[in-house]
Amino acid sequence: MPERALILANGLFDSVFAKTTHGLLRGPSRYTILGVIDPDYAGQDAGRVLDGCHRSIPFFHTVAEALKLTSDRPTHCVVGVATAGGMLPDALRKELLTAASAGLTLVNGLHYLLSDDHEIAEQATAGIIDLRKPRRASELRFWTGEILSVSAPRVAVLGMDCAIGKRTTAMLLRAALRVQGINAEMIYTGQTGWLQGLQHGFIFDSTLNDFVSGELEGAILACAREMNPDVILLEGQSGLRNPAGPAGAEFICSARAAGVILQHAPARSHFEDFEHLDCPLPPLREEIELIRLLGSQVWAISLFTRGLDDAESSQIAAELEACHGLPVVRPLEDGVGRLAETVREKLFS
């Protein structure tokens, strides 16, 4: 029997913090999803409320309710949110205890390690998978330069900020390239990519800083060796100038990305969760130039349209395309066909 899971969103489903939940609902997923726990949506269907989710998956108030109402018995309970600082909210902890006592394996992508929580660990007789549990330095790989021998070009999906849709765009682009007969593979760098069943990658923000470039290089080398891809897509993390965790230069300087798809959030004025500070998002033109100075090129812009209606985001896309002379797409509204064509033209024409 395939492994079956409940996902915990717990009041955060309609927020950027539920990106793991959204990714698993849109698919793919290494688990069969039986339901989502979020009292704000209890009784509704994910296929009706989430763009890009084409499956009927119910919402429940609690884990206890889901266990009573699902015809199939779940085997796993997945934490489907990424909280500020990676801490564990009390309401979510309560649901995890219920799941643990019911014999479900707990799958956790937070920095808060469930295996270090004595009460949860004691209840979780079926096991705990802490995806962000740091590995020892002796288990990690340092950058060697072997990446220079990889012939498959790399394309990085970077963002102006965190929680902006980078992984979603990369997954959609991988699928679109495959439809066109291009053997596209993807390197995951966050917990959701692992949960979606991607084969090659690592958890970027739980890796000792000195080894991030080496782990990225190692994942690309393994992917190239085992899959013989035509192109390798790289899932970016955070943003080049996010003050709480700047990231992205590694994908250009260490992974040698030939091109960049830049994810932009037109409705966002400040870095996520820092609206109360003097931390405005930099101008898009500056970010494009910064990527050029780091050694790559922005090939296209992809929009995260949260906070905009369809007419507003469509107009902004047209204006940005005219301003920057680059393809601008809305992945969830229009698909990523133009991104796939751009990658094809840049690499294979």
Protein backbone atom coordinates (compact mmCIF):
# COMPACT_ATOMS: atom_id res chain seq x y z
CA MET A 1 0.00 0.00 0.00
CA PRO A 2 1.30 3.50 -0.80
CA GLU A 3 2.07 5.74 2.16
CA ARG A 4 -0.83 8.06 2.94
CA ALA A 5 -0.65 11.41 4.72
CA LEU A 6 -2.58 14.15 6.43
CA ILE A 7 -1.13 17.67 6.07
CA LEU A 8 -1.16 20.19 8.93
CA ALA A 9 -1.85 23.77 7.84
CA ASN A 10 -3.64 24.83 11.05
CA GLY A 11 -5.00 28.28 10.24
CA LEU A 12 -2.20 29.22 7.84
CA PHE A 13 -3.54 27.70 4.62
CA ASP A 14 -4.41 31.09 3.12
CA SER A 15 -0.89 32.48 3.61
CA VAL A 16 2.56 32.22 2.08
CA PHE A 17 3.63 30.20 5.14
CA ALA A 18 1.64 27.19 3.85
CA LYS A 19 3.76 26.78 0.73
CA THR A 20 4.59 23.17 1.62
CA THR A 21 0.88 22.37 1.84
CA HIS A 22 0.23 24.12 -1.47
CA GLY A 23 3.06 22.27 -3.19
CA LEU A 24 1.89 18.85 -2.05
CA LEU A 25 -1.70 19.57 -3.04
CA ARG A 26 -0.67 20.70 -6.52
CA GLY A 27 1.60 17.71 -6.73
CA PRO A 28 3.56 15.68 -7.16
CA SER A 29 3.85 14.17 -3.67
CA ARG A 30 5.67 11.16 -2.31
CA TYR A 31 2.54 10.48 -0.25
CA THR A 32 -1.10 10.02 -1.19
CA ILE A 33 -2.76 13.04 0.46
CA LEU A 34 -5.94 12.12 2.33
CA GLY A 35 -6.74 15.51 3.82
CA VAL A 36 -5.61 18.89 5.13
CA ILE A 37 -6.04 20.02 8.74
CA ASP A 38 -7.15 23.65 8.87
CA PRO A 39 -10.26 24.72 10.83
CA ASP A 40 -10.69 27.83 8.65
CA TYR A 41 -11.44 25.62 5.62
CA ALA A 42 -13.00 22.56 7.27
CA GLY A 43 -15.66 21.03 5.06
CA GLN A 44 -14.25 22.52 1.86
CA ASP A 45 -12.28 20.90 -0.95
CA ALA A 46 -8.71 21.83 -1.89
CA GLY A 47 -9.51 21.27 -5.55
CA ARG A 48 -11.94 24.17 -5.39
CA VAL A 49 -9.97 26.66 -3.29
CA LEU A 50 -6.35 26.30 -4.47
CA ASP A 51 -5.22 27.33 -7.96
CA GLY A 52 -3.37 24.50 -9.63
CA CYS A 53 -4.83 21.76 -7.42
CA HIS A 54 -6.81 19.42 -9.66
CA ARG A 55 -7.66 16.77 -7.11
CA SER A 56 -10.51 16.43 -4.61
CA ILE A 57 -8.87 16.60 -1.17
CA PRO A 58 -10.97 17.46 1.92
CA PHE A 59 -10.20 19.85 4.76
CA PHE A 60 -10.80 18.80 8.39
CA HIS A 61 -10.98 20.69 11.69
CA THR A 62 -8.55 18.39 13.49
CA VAL A 63 -6.47 15.26 13.10
CA ALA A 64 -8.96 13.42 15.29
CA GLU A 65 -11.80 14.34 12.93
CA ALA A 66 -9.79 13.26 9.89
CA LEU A 67 -9.00 9.89 11.47
CA LYS A 68 -12.72 9.31 12.00
CA LEU A 69 -13.87 10.44 8.56
CA THR A 70 -11.23 9.17 6.14
CA SER A 71 -11.94 5.74 4.71
CA ASP A 72 -8.23 4.98 4.24
CA ARG A 73 -6.00 4.96 7.28
CA PRO A 74 -3.21 7.59 7.06
CA THR A 75 0.34 6.45 7.73
CA HIS A 76 2.01 9.86 8.01
CA CYS A 77 1.28 13.36 9.31
CA VAL A 78 3.17 16.12 7.51
CA VAL A 79 3.84 19.60 8.88
CA GLY A 80 2.70 21.69 5.91
CA VAL A 81 3.78 25.15 7.05
CA ALA A 82 7.00 27.13 7.35
CA THR A 83 6.67 29.45 10.33
CA ALA A 84 8.73 32.54 11.11
CA GLY A 85 11.99 31.31 12.59
CA GLY A 86 10.85 27.72 12.10
CA MET A 87 9.16 27.55 15.51
CA LEU A 88 6.31 25.18 16.40
CA PRO A 89 2.97 26.90 17.22
CA ASP A 90 1.04 25.45 20.18
CA ALA A 91 -2.02 24.55 18.06
CA LEU A 92 0.13 22.62 15.60
CA ARG A 93 1.99 20.86 18.42
CA LYS A 94 -1.34 19.66 19.83
CA GLU A 95 -2.29 18.11 16.48
CA LEU A 96 1.11 16.44 16.20
CA LEU A 97 0.62 14.82 19.59
CA THR A 98 -2.75 13.48 18.45
CA ALA A 99 -1.19 12.11 15.26
CA ALA A 100 1.72 10.57 17.16
CA SER A 101 -0.52 8.86 19.68
CA ALA A 102 -2.59 7.47 16.78
CA GLY A 103 0.48 5.73 15.39
CA LEU A 104 1.29 8.08 12.48
CA THR A 105 4.84 8.82 11.41
CA LEU A 106 5.53 12.56 11.84
CA VAL A 107 7.22 14.39 8.95
CA ASN A 108 8.53 17.81 9.89
CA GLY A 109 10.26 20.51 7.85
CA LEU A 110 10.53 23.12 10.60
CA HIS A 111 13.79 24.14 12.24
CA TYR A 112 12.11 23.07 15.50
CA LEU A 113 13.11 19.41 15.68
CA LEU A 114 10.34 17.12 16.87
CA SER A 115 12.90 14.51 17.86
CA ASP A 116 14.20 16.98 20.48
CA ASP A 117 10.71 17.47 21.94
CA HIS A 118 10.60 14.78 24.63
CA GLU A 119 6.80 14.61 24.86
CA ILE A 120 6.29 14.30 21.11
CA ALA A 121 9.21 11.90 20.70
CA GLU A 122 7.83 9.66 23.44
CA GLN A 123 4.42 9.49 21.74
CA ALA A 124 5.78 9.03 18.20
CA THR A 125 6.33 5.29 18.29
CA ALA A 126 5.94 5.10 14.48
CA GLY A 127 8.87 7.46 14.02
CA ILE A 128 9.83 11.06 13.27
CA ILE A 129 11.38 12.42 10.07
CA ASP A 130 13.00 15.81 10.84
CA LEU A 131 13.90 17.08 7.38
CA ARG A 132 15.89 20.03 8.69
CA LYS A 133 18.00 18.10 11.16
CA PRO A 134 21.51 19.39 10.44
CA ARG A 135 24.12 16.91 9.28
CA ARG A 136 27.62 16.82 10.75
CA ALA A 137 30.44 18.55 8.90
CA SER A 138 32.05 15.14 8.37
CA GLU A 139 28.99 14.09 6.35
CA LEU A 140 29.02 17.16 4.10
CA ARG A 141 30.78 17.92 0.84
CA PHE A 142 33.05 20.90 0.15
CA TRP A 143 33.05 22.54 -3.30
CA THR A 144 35.77 21.04 -5.50
CA GLY A 145 35.22 22.49 -8.96
CA GLU A 146 34.02 19.20 -10.45
CA ILE A 147 30.92 21.15 -11.53
CA LEU A 148 33.05 22.53 -14.36
CA SER A 149 32.98 19.10 -16.02
CA VAL A 150 29.15 18.89 -16.11
CA SER A 151 27.96 19.51 -19.66
CA ALA A 152 24.23 19.83 -18.86
CA PRO A 153 23.43 23.56 -18.54
CA ARG A 154 21.86 24.84 -15.34
CA VAL A 155 18.99 27.33 -15.10
CA ALA A 156 18.27 28.85 -11.69
CA VAL A 157 14.84 30.01 -10.58
CA LEU A 158 15.72 32.84 -8.19
CA GLY A 159 13.47 35.26 -6.39
CA MET A 160 13.34 38.85 -5.26
CA ASP A 161 12.39 37.47 -1.83
CA CYS A 162 11.45 34.30 0.04
CA ALA A 163 8.00 32.65 -0.17
CA ILE A 164 7.48 33.97 -3.68
CA GLY A 165 6.83 30.83 -5.78
CA LYS A 166 10.28 29.77 -6.95
CA ARG A 167 9.77 26.04 -6.45
CA THR A 168 6.29 26.11 -8.01
CA THR A 169 7.62 27.83 -11.12
CA ALA A 170 10.56 25.43 -11.33
CA MET A 171 8.28 22.38 -11.06
CA LEU A 172 5.92 23.71 -13.72
CA LEU A 173 8.87 24.55 -15.99
CA ARG A 174 10.31 21.05 -15.60
CA ALA A 175 6.99 19.54 -16.66
CA ALA A 176 6.62 21.94 -19.62
CA LEU A 177 10.13 21.20 -20.90
CA ARG A 178 9.49 17.46 -20.69
CA VAL A 179 6.35 17.86 -22.79
CA GLN A 180 8.56 19.46 -25.43
CA GLY A 181 10.87 16.44 -25.40
CA ILE A 182 13.62 18.03 -23.29
CA ASN A 183 14.96 15.85 -20.48
CA ALA A 184 14.70 18.39 -17.67
CA GLU A 185 15.66 17.53 -14.10
CA MET A 186 15.48 19.66 -10.97
CA ILE A 187 17.62 20.10 -7.88
CA TYR A 188 15.52 20.72 -4.77
CA THR A 189 16.92 22.91 -2.01
CA GLY A 190 14.01 22.94 0.46
CA GLN A 191 11.91 20.45 2.39
CA THR A 192 8.97 20.62 -0.02
CA GLY A 193 11.05 19.36 -2.93
CA TRP A 194 11.96 16.27 -0.94
CA LEU A 195 8.31 15.79 0.05
CA GLN A 196 7.34 16.03 -3.61
CA GLY A 197 9.62 13.11 -4.39
CA LEU A 198 12.45 14.84 -6.24
CA GLN A 199 15.51 12.62 -6.34
CA HIS A 200 18.41 15.05 -6.17
CA GLY A 201 19.00 17.94 -3.79
CA PHE A 202 19.62 18.98 -0.20
CA ILE A 203 18.09 21.23 2.45
CA PHE A 204 19.85 24.54 1.88
CA ASP A 205 19.08 26.34 5.14
CA SER A 206 19.96 23.45 7.45
CA THR A 207 23.41 23.00 5.86
CA LEU A 208 26.52 24.51 7.43
CA ASN A 209 27.36 27.59 5.39
CA ASP A 210 30.83 26.43 4.36
CA PHE A 211 29.30 23.36 2.69
CA VAL A 212 26.29 24.84 0.88
CA SER A 213 28.21 25.23 -2.38
CA GLY A 214 29.66 21.73 -2.10
CA GLU A 215 26.30 20.09 -1.39
CA LEU A 216 24.81 21.97 -4.35
CA GLU A 217 27.68 20.82 -6.55
CA GLY A 218 27.29 17.24 -5.32
CA ALA A 219 23.57 17.17 -6.07
CA ILE A 220 24.19 18.44 -9.62
CA LEU A 221 26.97 15.91 -10.20
CA ALA A 222 24.75 13.04 -9.03
CA CYS A 223 21.86 14.25 -11.16
CA ALA A 224 24.05 14.56 -14.24
CA ARG A 225 25.59 11.12 -13.69
CA GLU A 226 22.36 9.24 -12.95
CA MET A 227 19.82 11.02 -15.17
CA ASN A 228 21.87 12.34 -18.12
CA PRO A 229 19.64 15.43 -18.36
CA ASP A 230 19.50 17.98 -21.16
CA VAL A 231 19.06 20.78 -18.62
CA ILE A 232 19.09 20.99 -14.82
CA LEU A 233 16.76 23.43 -13.06
CA LEU A 234 17.86 24.81 -9.70
CA GLU A 235 15.33 25.75 -7.01
CA GLY A 236 16.47 29.05 -5.51
CA GLN A 237 16.16 30.05 -1.86
CA SER A 238 15.32 33.36 -0.19
CA GLY A 239 16.60 36.36 -2.20
CA LEU A 240 19.97 37.85 -3.03
CA ARG A 241 19.36 40.77 -0.65
CA ASN A 242 16.91 39.42 1.89
CA PRO A 243 18.36 40.81 5.16
CA ALA A 244 17.20 37.82 7.25
CA GLY A 245 18.92 35.27 5.03
CA PRO A 246 20.53 36.47 1.80
CA ALA A 247 20.94 33.59 -0.65
CA GLY A 248 21.19 33.01 -4.36
CA ALA A 249 24.75 33.85 -5.31
CA GLU A 250 25.67 30.17 -4.83
CA PHE A 251 23.47 29.16 -7.74
CA ILE A 252 25.37 31.50 -10.04
CA CYS A 253 28.92 31.45 -8.64
CA SER A 254 29.11 27.83 -7.50
CA ALA A 255 26.55 26.01 -9.68
CA ARG A 256 27.38 28.14 -12.75
CA ALA A 257 23.79 28.78 -13.79
CA ALA A 258 23.75 29.81 -17.44
CA GLY A 259 20.51 31.70 -17.01
CA VAL A 260 18.01 32.84 -14.40
CA ILE A 261 14.23 32.92 -14.23
CA LEU A 262 13.57 35.74 -11.76
CA GLN A 263 10.48 35.47 -9.58
CA HIS A 264 8.93 38.85 -8.71
CA ALA A 265 6.04 39.86 -6.43
CA PRO A 266 4.65 43.19 -7.72
CA ALA A 267 2.23 43.61 -4.80
CA ARG A 268 4.98 43.22 -2.20
CA SER A 269 6.71 46.44 -1.15
CA HIS A 270 8.97 45.06 1.60
CA PHE A 271 10.74 41.81 2.31
CA GLU A 272 8.22 39.29 3.64
CA ASP A 273 7.47 39.66 7.36
CA PHE A 274 9.58 42.85 7.61
CA GLU A 275 6.95 45.36 6.54
CA HIS A 276 7.43 47.17 9.86
CA LEU A 277 11.12 47.79 9.17
CA ASP A 278 12.98 49.91 6.64
CA CYS A 279 13.53 46.87 4.41
CA PRO A 280 11.93 47.63 1.04
CA LEU A 281 12.36 45.25 -1.87
CA PRO A 282 15.01 46.54 -4.27
CA PRO A 283 14.01 47.71 -7.76
CA LEU A 284 13.64 44.90 -10.27
CA ARG A 285 16.11 46.56 -12.65
CA GLU A 286 18.77 46.57 -9.93
CA GLU A 287 18.28 42.86 -9.27
CA ILE A 288 18.60 42.05 -12.97
CA GLU A 289 21.85 44.00 -13.08
CA LEU A 290 23.14 42.34 -9.89
CA ILE A 291 22.59 38.92 -11.44
CA ARG A 292 24.54 40.05 -14.51
CA LEU A 293 27.41 41.25 -12.34
CA LEU A 294 27.47 37.92 -10.52
CA GLY A 295 28.00 36.19 -13.86
CA SER A 296 24.62 35.12 -15.23
CA GLN A 297 21.66 36.62 -17.10
CA VAL A 298 17.97 36.96 -16.39
CA TRP A 299 16.17 35.26 -19.26
CA ALA A 300 12.61 35.85 -18.09
CA ILE A 301 10.50 37.18 -15.23
CA SER A 302 7.85 35.13 -13.46
CA LEU A 303 5.18 36.82 -11.35
CA PHE A 304 3.87 35.84 -7.93
CA THR A 305 0.49 37.54 -8.19
CA ARG A 306 -0.81 37.26 -4.63
CA GLY A 307 -2.52 40.52 -3.65
CA LEU A 308 -3.50 41.38 -7.24
CA ASP A 309 -6.62 40.62 -9.22
CA ASP A 310 -6.39 39.13 -12.70
CA ALA A 311 -6.66 42.44 -14.54
CA GLU A 312 -4.03 44.12 -12.35
CA SER A 313 -1.49 41.32 -12.68
CA SER A 314 -2.06 41.05 -16.43
CA GLN A 315 -1.45 44.78 -16.88
CA ILE A 316 1.67 44.68 -14.71
CA ALA A 317 3.02 41.75 -16.72
CA ALA A 318 2.57 43.67 -19.96
CA GLU A 319 4.20 46.80 -18.52
CA LEU A 320 7.19 44.90 -17.14
CA GLU A 321 7.70 43.10 -20.44
CA ALA A 322 7.73 46.41 -22.31
CA CYS A 323 10.05 47.99 -19.73
CA HIS A 324 12.66 45.23 -19.48
CA GLY A 325 12.40 43.57 -22.88
CA LEU A 326 12.07 40.12 -21.30
CA PRO A 327 9.26 37.55 -21.34
CA VAL A 328 7.04 38.04 -18.28
CA VAL A 329 4.71 35.21 -17.28
CA ARG A 330 2.10 34.45 -14.62
CA PRO A 331 2.68 30.72 -14.00
CA LEU A 332 -0.53 29.84 -12.20
CA GLU A 333 -2.77 31.93 -14.43
CA ASP A 334 -1.20 31.41 -17.85
CA GLY A 335 1.15 28.46 -17.50
CA VAL A 336 4.88 28.46 -18.23
CA GLY A 337 4.88 27.65 -21.95
CA ARG A 338 6.73 30.87 -22.73
CA LEU A 339 9.37 30.08 -20.11
CA ALA A 340 9.93 26.68 -21.69
CA GLU A 341 10.25 28.28 -25.13
CA THR A 342 12.73 30.80 -23.76
CA VAL A 343 14.90 28.06 -22.23
CA ARG A 344 14.71 26.08 -25.47
CA GLU A 345 15.75 29.09 -27.56
CA LYS A 346 18.61 30.03 -25.23
CA LEU A 347 20.07 26.53 -24.91
CA PHE A 348 19.00 24.39 -27.86
CA SER A 349 18.40 26.59 -30.92
